Amino acid sequence: MWAARKMGILYTGFAGTSPHFGDQAFSPQGLWSFERTSPLEGSWQCLNGSTDGWFTSQPRPYQGQADSGHGYGFFLGGISSPRRGPRYAPSLTSWPVGNSTRDQRKTGVFVMYDMPNRKITDLANFGPSGRGAPNNAGIVYVPNWGDRGILVAVGGSQDRREGNDGLATFQTVRIYDVDTQRWYEQQSTGDIPEPRKDFCMAGSPSNSRTHEILVYAGWAGQLGPSAVPYDSAYVLTLPGFYWAKADYSPAHPRHGLSCNAVGGSQILTIGGVDTTQDGNDSYAAGFTTRDPFLQGLAIFDLGTLAWSSAYRAERSLQPAAPKFKEYYNAQ
């Protein structure tokens, strides 16, 4: 989803495919909005007749990441879906007939949607180092720097020739300046996460004029006991580009989850697939165990670099974690 916070509107429908299992329900291609009309009610609206024609003329992308801020929605990475087979929604725009449908998919998707003006900028195949945007990477919008903020992108998979399922190093942090529409790369230090994909990522400012970003869970493409170490949480602090790892013993790895900033330096994690489960049906095996988090929800505190026992409503921004204070004081 994209959120237009000042307008009180959510947008969806711009990415995704039908499920791999179940009744393979799908929604027609396009863009929808949900606007809250009262604290307890809201209404849906299909915007296909009033917004940019890109949403219905171009194949709908998937396996990318979305975020929003400053009146813009962003979608980075992933590939565009061909109209092929029951795995994909039949309403998706088809690709031209050729020798290989898979080879014709557009990769490195990167689009920016101007919400007030309902215009989209298709920046496909633009990306750091000129290689295009990675798949299954993490992105987060950070308003602190630049006239219109920046996007921070890490991880994901891009080139299998690099080994380890083509997973990108977290030592390189990719920065997109929304105002100049230019990519930059910055080397990071500290406890750098192991390469992974399908992790979750969200950030929040501190009251110390820094911005901390959580990277949690994910996997390297292998199911089973070897995935347990990916039950780990790392936090990147900006502007220092310094990583710190949360201190806890891994036990319950997961991938395909979401992270959401919910105020007061708190990050809410939701759901995920149990990466330790390996069975005949690789899509469904991860759903056979009970989530150790109550209702599949957990709160990570960026101020303490630790999991919290409860969510605190209306909590103010917290100071940067002591480990980050030590780092900045030493510079």
Protein backbone atom coordinates (compact mmCIF):
# COMPACT_ATOMS: atom_id res chain seq x y z
CA MET A 1 0.00 0.00 0.00
CA TRP A 2 0.86 3.68 -0.35
CA ALA A 3 -0.28 6.18 2.28
CA ALA A 4 -1.16 9.83 1.64
CA ARG A 5 -1.13 10.75 5.31
CA LYS A 6 -2.19 14.40 5.03
CA MET A 7 -5.04 13.43 2.72
CA GLY A 8 -6.05 10.44 4.84
CA ILE A 9 -6.01 8.08 1.84
CA LEU A 10 -4.52 4.64 1.20
CA TYR A 11 -3.73 3.36 -2.31
CA THR A 12 -3.41 -0.26 -3.43
CA GLY A 13 -3.76 -2.51 -6.48
CA PHE A 14 -0.63 -1.24 -8.21
CA ALA A 15 1.44 -4.39 -7.55
CA GLY A 16 1.13 -8.10 -6.82
CA THR A 17 -0.10 -11.38 -8.31
CA SER A 18 -2.76 -13.91 -7.44
CA PRO A 19 -1.81 -16.35 -4.64
CA HIS A 20 0.17 -19.52 -5.31
CA PHE A 21 -2.39 -21.61 -3.41
CA GLY A 22 -6.00 -21.47 -2.22
CA ASP A 23 -8.67 -20.18 -4.60
CA GLN A 24 -6.14 -17.87 -6.34
CA ALA A 25 -8.38 -14.84 -5.84
CA PHE A 26 -7.29 -11.73 -7.66
CA SER A 27 -8.35 -8.15 -8.18
CA PRO A 28 -8.56 -6.51 -11.61
CA GLN A 29 -5.58 -4.46 -12.69
CA GLY A 30 -5.47 -0.79 -11.72
CA LEU A 31 -5.36 1.57 -8.76
CA TRP A 32 -7.79 1.74 -5.83
CA SER A 33 -8.04 4.18 -2.97
CA PHE A 34 -9.47 3.86 0.53
CA GLU A 35 -10.49 7.10 2.23
CA ARG A 36 -11.53 7.29 5.84
CA THR A 37 -14.86 9.08 6.27
CA SER A 38 -15.07 8.74 10.07
CA PRO A 39 -12.99 7.12 12.84
CA LEU A 40 -14.81 3.83 12.18
CA GLU A 41 -15.75 3.98 8.51
CA GLY A 42 -14.31 4.53 5.05
CA SER A 43 -14.97 3.96 1.38
CA TRP A 44 -13.20 2.32 -1.57
CA GLN A 45 -12.95 3.88 -5.03
CA CYS A 46 -11.53 2.58 -8.30
CA LEU A 47 -9.36 5.30 -9.82
CA ASN A 48 -8.81 3.73 -13.25
CA GLY A 49 -10.90 6.37 -14.97
CA SER A 50 -9.27 9.37 -13.31
CA THR A 51 -5.62 8.56 -12.69
CA ASP A 52 -2.54 7.90 -14.83
CA GLY A 53 -3.14 5.29 -17.55
CA TRP A 54 0.11 3.53 -16.59
CA PHE A 55 -1.79 1.45 -14.02
CA THR A 56 -3.87 -0.29 -16.69
CA SER A 57 -1.58 -0.09 -19.75
CA GLN A 58 1.55 -1.60 -18.16
CA PRO A 59 1.95 -5.11 -16.69
CA ARG A 60 1.44 -5.08 -12.93
CA PRO A 61 4.79 -5.66 -11.12
CA TYR A 62 5.44 -7.98 -8.18
CA GLN A 63 8.30 -9.11 -5.89
CA GLY A 64 9.21 -5.50 -5.18
CA GLN A 65 8.85 -3.16 -2.23
CA ALA A 66 6.60 -0.13 -1.70
CA ASP A 67 6.80 2.93 0.51
CA SER A 68 5.43 6.45 0.47
CA GLY A 69 6.07 9.94 1.77
CA HIS A 70 5.82 13.66 0.93
CA GLY A 71 2.81 12.94 -1.28
CA TYR A 72 4.62 10.33 -3.38
CA GLY A 73 4.29 6.56 -3.65
CA PHE A 74 7.29 4.44 -4.63
CA PHE A 75 7.64 0.88 -5.91
CA LEU A 76 11.15 -0.51 -6.32
CA GLY A 77 12.46 -3.81 -7.64
CA GLY A 78 10.62 -6.86 -8.76
CA ILE A 79 9.49 -7.86 -12.23
CA SER A 80 6.40 -7.34 -14.33
CA SER A 81 3.88 -10.16 -14.61
CA PRO A 82 3.18 -11.73 -18.00
CA ARG A 83 -0.30 -13.06 -18.68
CA ARG A 84 0.68 -16.69 -18.37
CA GLY A 85 -0.81 -19.59 -16.47
CA PRO A 86 -3.10 -19.78 -13.41
CA ARG A 87 -0.42 -18.38 -11.10
CA TYR A 88 -1.03 -14.89 -12.49
CA ALA A 89 -4.22 -12.88 -12.41
CA PRO A 90 -5.94 -13.22 -15.81
CA SER A 91 -6.62 -9.48 -15.95
CA LEU A 92 -2.92 -8.61 -16.17
CA THR A 93 -1.80 -6.91 -19.37
CA SER A 94 -0.18 -9.48 -21.67
CA TRP A 95 3.30 -9.32 -23.17
CA PRO A 96 3.91 -9.56 -26.95
CA VAL A 97 4.21 -13.08 -28.28
CA GLY A 98 7.84 -14.19 -28.57
CA ASN A 99 10.24 -17.07 -28.11
CA SER A 100 10.39 -16.72 -24.35
CA THR A 101 7.75 -15.01 -22.25
CA ARG A 102 10.02 -15.11 -19.22
CA ASP A 103 12.81 -13.30 -21.08
CA GLN A 104 10.39 -10.53 -22.04
CA ARG A 105 9.49 -9.58 -18.49
CA LYS A 106 10.60 -6.10 -17.56
CA THR A 107 12.98 -6.21 -14.61
CA GLY A 108 14.31 -3.52 -12.32
CA VAL A 109 10.92 -1.84 -11.92
CA PHE A 110 11.01 1.59 -10.27
CA VAL A 111 8.03 3.93 -10.34
CA MET A 112 7.12 7.12 -8.47
CA TYR A 113 3.47 8.21 -8.15
CA ASP A 114 2.58 11.87 -7.53
CA MET A 115 -0.59 11.45 -5.44
CA PRO A 116 -2.06 14.99 -5.58
CA ASN A 117 -1.54 15.27 -9.36
CA ARG A 118 -2.29 11.57 -10.05
CA LYS A 119 0.76 11.24 -12.31
CA ILE A 120 3.30 8.42 -12.37
CA THR A 121 6.94 8.56 -13.40
CA ASP A 122 8.19 5.24 -14.79
CA LEU A 123 11.87 4.97 -13.92
CA ALA A 124 12.15 1.30 -14.96
CA ASN A 125 15.69 -0.08 -15.06
CA PHE A 126 17.08 3.01 -13.35
CA GLY A 127 19.11 1.90 -10.37
CA PRO A 128 22.38 2.12 -8.49
CA SER A 129 25.48 1.19 -10.51
CA GLY A 130 23.31 1.18 -13.63
CA ARG A 131 22.28 -2.44 -13.04
CA GLY A 132 18.62 -1.84 -12.36
CA ALA A 133 16.73 -2.16 -9.10
CA PRO A 134 17.04 -5.46 -7.15
CA ASN A 135 14.20 -7.90 -6.42
CA ASN A 136 12.95 -8.55 -2.89
CA ALA A 137 15.00 -5.66 -1.50
CA GLY A 138 13.93 -3.41 1.34
CA ILE A 139 13.16 0.28 0.91
CA VAL A 140 12.11 3.00 3.32
CA TYR A 141 11.31 6.66 2.78
CA VAL A 142 13.28 9.05 5.01
CA PRO A 143 12.11 12.70 5.14
CA ASN A 144 15.10 14.09 7.06
CA TRP A 145 17.39 14.92 4.14
CA GLY A 146 16.87 16.54 0.75
CA ASP A 147 14.11 18.89 -0.36
CA ARG A 148 11.70 15.99 -0.86
CA GLY A 149 13.36 13.30 1.23
CA ILE A 150 15.29 10.20 0.19
CA LEU A 151 14.70 6.49 -0.33
CA VAL A 152 17.04 4.06 1.41
CA ALA A 153 17.35 0.63 -0.24
CA VAL A 154 19.31 -2.40 0.98
CA GLY A 155 19.59 -6.11 0.30
CA GLY A 156 17.59 -8.17 -2.14
CA SER A 157 18.71 -10.30 -5.09
CA GLN A 158 19.93 -9.06 -8.42
CA ASP A 159 22.57 -11.10 -10.22
CA ARG A 160 22.89 -14.85 -9.65
CA ARG A 161 26.42 -14.75 -11.00
CA GLU A 162 27.46 -13.05 -7.77
CA GLY A 163 26.74 -16.28 -5.86
CA ASN A 164 24.48 -16.99 -2.85
CA ASP A 165 21.33 -16.77 -4.99
CA GLY A 166 22.51 -13.39 -6.25
CA LEU A 167 21.92 -11.75 -2.85
CA ALA A 168 23.22 -8.21 -2.50
CA THR A 169 25.58 -7.17 0.28
CA PHE A 170 24.25 -4.96 3.04
CA GLN A 171 27.56 -3.16 3.24
CA THR A 172 26.40 -1.04 0.31
CA VAL A 173 23.42 1.18 1.12
CA ARG A 174 21.64 2.65 -1.90
CA ILE A 175 20.23 6.16 -1.63
CA TYR A 176 17.74 7.78 -4.02
CA ASP A 177 17.34 11.57 -3.88
CA VAL A 178 13.69 12.17 -4.73
CA ASP A 179 14.29 15.81 -5.69
CA THR A 180 17.16 15.24 -8.15
CA GLN A 181 16.03 11.71 -9.16
CA ARG A 182 19.57 10.40 -8.76
CA TRP A 183 20.97 7.25 -7.13
CA TYR A 184 23.96 7.20 -4.80
CA GLU A 185 25.79 4.39 -3.01
CA GLN A 186 27.23 4.63 0.50
CA GLN A 187 29.42 2.07 2.28
CA SER A 188 28.30 1.17 5.80
CA THR A 189 30.14 -0.15 8.85
CA GLY A 190 29.35 -1.96 12.11
CA ASP A 191 27.53 -5.30 12.51
CA ILE A 192 26.51 -5.63 8.86
CA PRO A 193 23.63 -8.10 8.19
CA GLU A 194 24.25 -11.26 6.24
CA PRO A 195 22.84 -11.10 2.68
CA ARG A 196 19.14 -11.97 2.59
CA LYS A 197 15.84 -11.31 0.84
CA ASP A 198 12.14 -11.16 1.78
CA PHE A 199 12.98 -9.40 5.05
CA CYS A 200 11.03 -6.46 6.45
CA MET A 201 12.29 -2.92 6.85
CA ALA A 202 10.93 0.22 8.52
CA GLY A 203 12.39 3.28 10.17
CA SER A 204 11.70 6.15 12.52
CA PRO A 205 13.51 9.35 13.56
CA SER A 206 14.92 9.75 17.06
CA ASN A 207 14.85 12.94 19.09
CA SER A 208 18.64 13.05 18.60
CA ARG A 209 18.36 14.19 14.95
CA THR A 210 19.20 10.70 13.70
CA HIS A 211 17.03 8.24 11.79
CA GLU A 212 17.10 4.52 12.64
CA ILE A 213 15.99 1.74 10.28
CA LEU A 214 15.16 -1.84 11.32
CA VAL A 215 15.99 -4.81 9.07
CA TYR A 216 14.41 -7.97 10.47
CA ALA A 217 14.24 -11.65 9.45
CA GLY A 218 14.28 -12.82 5.80
CA TRP A 219 16.06 -15.80 4.26
CA ALA A 220 18.66 -16.78 1.66
CA GLY A 221 16.39 -19.12 -0.29
CA GLN A 222 16.80 -22.30 1.78
CA LEU A 223 14.17 -23.76 4.10
CA GLY A 224 14.83 -25.88 7.16
CA PRO A 225 17.09 -25.71 10.26
CA SER A 226 19.84 -23.85 8.37
CA ALA A 227 17.50 -20.83 8.22
CA VAL A 228 17.40 -20.32 12.01
CA PRO A 229 20.24 -17.71 12.12
CA TYR A 230 18.09 -15.42 9.95
CA ASP A 231 15.93 -14.77 13.01
CA SER A 232 17.94 -11.61 13.59
CA ALA A 233 17.30 -7.89 13.84
CA TYR A 234 19.72 -5.19 12.68
CA VAL A 235 19.34 -1.43 12.94
CA LEU A 236 21.01 1.10 10.62
CA THR A 237 21.52 4.62 11.93
CA LEU A 238 21.65 7.64 9.63
CA PRO A 239 23.58 9.81 8.92
CA GLY A 240 26.34 7.57 10.26
CA PHE A 241 25.51 4.52 8.07
CA TYR A 242 26.43 2.33 11.05
CA TRP A 243 24.79 -1.03 11.79
CA ALA A 244 24.05 -2.55 15.22
CA LYS A 245 22.66 -6.02 15.89
CA ALA A 246 19.99 -6.70 18.52
CA ASP A 247 21.17 -9.08 21.23
CA TYR A 248 18.93 -12.16 21.37
CA SER A 249 19.19 -15.85 20.48
CA PRO A 250 17.64 -16.83 17.11
CA ALA A 251 14.81 -19.36 17.30
CA HIS A 252 11.92 -18.47 14.99
CA PRO A 253 13.05 -17.34 11.52
CA ARG A 254 10.49 -16.03 9.06
CA HIS A 255 10.29 -14.38 5.66
CA GLY A 256 7.59 -12.58 3.69
CA LEU A 257 6.55 -10.39 6.62
CA SER A 258 6.01 -6.65 7.00
CA CYS A 259 7.38 -3.93 9.29
CA ASN A 260 5.58 -0.69 10.08
CA ALA A 261 6.59 2.39 12.06
CA VAL A 262 3.82 2.99 14.62
CA GLY A 263 5.12 5.99 16.58
CA GLY A 264 7.53 6.64 19.41
CA SER A 265 10.48 4.80 17.82
CA GLN A 266 8.40 1.60 17.75
CA ILE A 267 8.26 -0.81 14.80
CA LEU A 268 5.37 -3.27 14.45
CA THR A 269 6.18 -6.56 12.70
CA ILE A 270 3.33 -8.56 11.17
CA GLY A 271 3.18 -12.21 10.17
CA GLY A 272 5.55 -14.05 7.90
CA VAL A 273 6.21 -17.63 6.79
CA ASP A 274 7.99 -20.11 9.07
CA THR A 275 11.31 -20.58 7.26
CA THR A 276 12.20 -23.73 9.21
CA GLN A 277 9.37 -25.71 7.60
CA ASP A 278 10.36 -27.62 4.48
CA GLY A 279 7.80 -29.92 2.87
CA ASN A 280 6.41 -31.21 -0.40
CA ASP A 281 4.38 -28.03 -0.86
CA SER A 282 6.97 -25.32 -0.30
CA TYR A 283 4.33 -22.58 -0.51
CA ALA A 284 2.10 -23.99 2.23
CA ALA A 285 4.64 -25.66 4.55
CA GLY A 286 5.51 -22.44 6.32
CA PHE A 287 1.91 -21.95 7.45
CA THR A 288 1.64 -25.23 9.38
CA THR A 289 3.11 -23.96 12.68
CA ARG A 290 1.75 -21.50 15.22
CA ASP A 291 3.31 -18.05 15.26
CA PRO A 292 5.25 -17.56 18.53
CA PHE A 293 4.24 -13.88 18.57
CA LEU A 294 0.73 -13.29 19.94
CA GLN A 295 -1.58 -12.85 16.92
CA GLY A 296 1.54 -12.71 14.75
CA LEU A 297 2.39 -9.21 16.04
CA ALA A 298 5.53 -7.95 17.76
CA ILE A 299 6.99 -4.57 18.71
CA PHE A 300 10.68 -3.70 18.26
CA ASP A 301 12.00 -0.67 20.15
CA LEU A 302 14.59 1.30 18.16
CA GLY A 303 15.60 3.21 21.30
CA THR A 304 16.71 0.06 23.12
CA LEU A 305 17.52 -2.22 20.16
CA ALA A 306 15.28 -4.87 21.73
CA TRP A 307 11.84 -6.43 21.51
CA SER A 308 9.22 -4.76 23.66
CA SER A 309 6.62 -6.49 25.81
CA ALA A 310 3.86 -4.09 24.77
CA TYR A 311 2.93 -1.27 22.40
CA ARG A 312 2.84 2.19 23.97
CA ALA A 313 0.25 4.50 22.44
CA GLU A 314 0.99 8.20 21.96
CA ARG A 315 4.63 7.66 22.88
CA SER A 316 7.00 10.49 21.91
CA LEU A 317 10.18 9.98 19.90
CA GLN A 318 12.95 8.37 21.90
CA PRO A 319 16.69 9.14 22.09
CA ALA A 320 18.96 7.13 19.83
CA ALA A 321 20.09 3.83 21.35
CA PRO A 322 23.14 4.06 23.66
CA LYS A 323 25.24 2.09 21.18
CA PHE A 324 24.57 4.72 18.52
CA LYS A 325 25.31 7.57 20.93
CA GLU A 326 28.70 5.97 21.61
CA TYR A 327 29.35 5.70 17.89
CA TYR A 328 28.52 9.34 17.15
CA ASN A 329 30.45 10.62 20.20
CA ALA A 330 33.53 8.77 18.97
CA GLN A 331 33.47 10.39 15.52
